[in-house]
Amino acid sequence: MSIMQALKIVSLAVAFGCMASATAGAQGGVSHAQFMQNAMNRVDRMFDRLDQNRDGVLTELEREAARERLAGKGSDASVPPPMAGDVTKDGFVQFMTPRAERIFEHLDANKDGMLSMREMQTALAASGRNADR
């Protein structure tokens, strides 16, 4: 799985999860802290899905198996150097945390530290997704 593929998965999953939170939330938006908590929960689950033998280490063989599964879906199957070799869950989370931060910064168009429904809908539309799906 490439980092770009992982980012797409995380960003879309987070956007959909945040939209549900925003709909139910009294503030009508999602704070940075809420976004990051949601993102890290999803990164944690992503690691667990990729770690096929459940040993807490994502090996190159496990990433290759994920690449093969994704290849039929037209995804980029490259793994950049930072993810080469074995990666622990902590290492995976540390690798993905700054990426999730950048996703939040990108989505927070007005830079108020909150993602509004409008900002999330704009991001979903830009991704080719529909918030009503």
Protein backbone atom coordinates (compact mmCIF):
# COMPACT_ATOMS: atom_id res chain seq x y z
CA MET A 1 0.00 0.00 0.00
CA SER A 2 1.45 3.34 -0.96
CA ILE A 3 1.40 6.27 1.40
CA MET A 4 -0.81 8.12 -1.08
CA GLN A 5 -3.30 5.25 -1.00
CA ALA A 6 -3.15 5.16 2.80
CA LEU A 7 -3.69 8.92 2.97
CA LYS A 8 -6.65 8.70 0.62
CA ILE A 9 -8.19 5.96 2.72
CA VAL A 10 -7.55 7.77 5.99
CA SER A 11 -8.65 11.18 4.73
CA LEU A 12 -11.90 9.87 3.24
CA ALA A 13 -12.61 7.70 6.26
CA VAL A 14 -11.91 10.59 8.60
CA ALA A 15 -14.01 12.96 6.52
CA PHE A 16 -16.97 10.58 6.57
CA GLY A 17 -16.52 9.90 10.29
CA CYS A 18 -16.17 13.58 11.06
CA MET A 19 -19.28 14.39 9.06
CA ALA A 20 -21.27 12.00 11.22
CA SER A 21 -19.78 13.59 14.35
CA ALA A 22 -20.49 17.09 13.07
CA THR A 23 -24.09 16.22 12.26
CA ALA A 24 -24.61 15.00 15.81
CA GLY A 25 -22.41 17.62 17.46
CA ALA A 26 -23.86 20.68 19.13
CA GLN A 27 -21.16 22.89 17.60
CA GLY A 28 -21.88 21.75 14.05
CA GLY A 29 -18.22 21.07 13.40
CA VAL A 30 -15.26 18.95 14.36
CA SER A 31 -12.35 20.27 16.41
CA HIS A 32 -8.73 19.49 15.67
CA ALA A 33 -8.63 17.20 18.73
CA GLN A 34 -11.74 15.30 17.61
CA PHE A 35 -10.34 14.96 14.09
CA MET A 36 -7.00 13.65 15.32
CA GLN A 37 -8.63 11.18 17.71
CA ASN A 38 -10.80 9.86 14.89
CA ALA A 39 -7.85 9.73 12.50
CA MET A 40 -5.62 7.86 14.94
CA ASN A 41 -8.39 5.36 15.71
CA ARG A 42 -8.70 4.69 11.99
CA VAL A 43 -4.92 4.44 11.51
CA ASP A 44 -4.83 1.94 14.37
CA ARG A 45 -7.55 -0.17 12.72
CA MET A 46 -5.78 0.10 9.34
CA PHE A 47 -2.59 -1.28 10.87
CA ASP A 48 -4.56 -4.13 12.46
CA ARG A 49 -6.09 -5.04 9.08
CA LEU A 50 -2.69 -5.02 7.37
CA ASP A 51 -0.92 -6.98 10.16
CA GLN A 52 -2.20 -10.35 9.00
CA ASN A 53 -0.43 -12.48 11.60
CA ARG A 54 -1.30 -10.08 14.45
CA ASP A 55 2.24 -9.91 15.79
CA GLY A 56 2.30 -6.12 16.06
CA VAL A 57 4.76 -5.73 13.18
CA LEU A 58 3.86 -4.84 9.62
CA THR A 59 6.35 -6.70 7.44
CA GLU A 60 7.23 -6.19 3.81
CA LEU A 61 5.43 -9.47 3.06
CA GLU A 62 2.24 -8.15 4.66
CA ARG A 63 2.53 -4.90 2.72
CA GLU A 64 3.11 -6.91 -0.46
CA ALA A 65 -0.07 -8.89 0.23
CA ALA A 66 -1.95 -5.60 0.68
CA ARG A 67 -0.45 -4.30 -2.59
CA GLU A 68 -1.65 -7.41 -4.40
CA ARG A 69 -5.17 -6.97 -3.00
CA LEU A 70 -5.18 -3.32 -4.04
CA ALA A 71 -3.64 -3.93 -7.47
CA GLY A 72 -6.93 -5.25 -8.79
CA LYS A 73 -8.55 -2.00 -7.71
CA GLY A 74 -6.23 0.17 -9.80
CA SER A 75 -4.25 1.62 -6.90
CA ASP A 76 -0.60 2.68 -6.87
CA ALA A 77 1.22 -0.27 -5.33
CA SER A 78 4.51 1.43 -4.47
CA VAL A 79 5.83 1.81 -0.94
CA PRO A 80 8.09 4.82 -0.37
CA PRO A 81 11.40 4.41 1.50
CA PRO A 82 10.10 5.62 4.91
CA MET A 83 7.88 2.52 5.06
CA ALA A 84 10.53 0.06 3.87
CA GLY A 85 11.38 -2.76 6.26
CA ASP A 86 9.37 -3.90 9.24
CA VAL A 87 7.17 -1.31 10.94
CA THR A 88 5.65 -1.57 14.41
CA LYS A 89 2.23 -0.17 15.21
CA ASP A 90 3.87 2.71 17.08
CA GLY A 91 6.08 3.43 14.08
CA PHE A 92 3.08 3.32 11.75
CA VAL A 93 1.13 5.72 13.99
CA GLN A 94 4.14 8.05 14.23
CA PHE A 95 4.48 7.98 10.46
CA MET A 96 0.79 8.72 9.86
CA THR A 97 0.26 11.38 12.58
CA PRO A 98 1.92 14.29 10.74
CA ARG A 99 0.05 13.26 7.60
CA ALA A 100 -3.26 13.42 9.46
CA GLU A 101 -2.22 16.85 10.79
CA ARG A 102 -1.60 18.03 7.22
CA ILE A 103 -4.97 16.63 6.12
CA PHE A 104 -6.68 18.65 8.86
CA GLU A 105 -4.76 21.78 7.89
CA HIS A 106 -5.76 21.28 4.27
CA LEU A 107 -9.44 20.67 5.07
CA ASP A 108 -9.67 23.61 7.51
CA ALA A 109 -10.04 26.18 4.74
CA ASN A 110 -10.72 29.15 7.03
CA LYS A 111 -7.99 28.11 9.54
CA ASP A 112 -10.27 28.42 12.57
CA GLY A 113 -9.25 25.07 14.09
CA MET A 114 -12.66 23.56 13.35
CA LEU A 115 -13.95 21.63 10.35
CA SER A 116 -17.39 22.87 9.44
CA MET A 117 -19.95 20.84 7.52
CA ARG A 118 -19.25 23.08 4.53
CA GLU A 119 -15.49 22.40 4.66
CA MET A 120 -16.08 18.65 4.90
CA GLN A 121 -18.63 18.68 2.08
CA THR A 122 -16.19 20.64 -0.08
CA ALA A 123 -13.46 18.06 0.62
CA LEU A 124 -15.78 15.17 -0.19
CA ALA A 125 -16.89 16.84 -3.41
CA ALA A 126 -13.26 17.42 -4.40
CA SER A 127 -12.53 13.73 -3.78
CA GLY A 128 -15.36 12.72 -6.11
CA ARG A 129 -17.44 11.46 -3.19
CA ASN A 130 -20.93 12.49 -2.19
CA ALA A 131 -21.77 13.18 1.44
CA ASP A 132 -25.15 11.53 0.96
CA ARG A 133 -23.70 8.13 -0.06
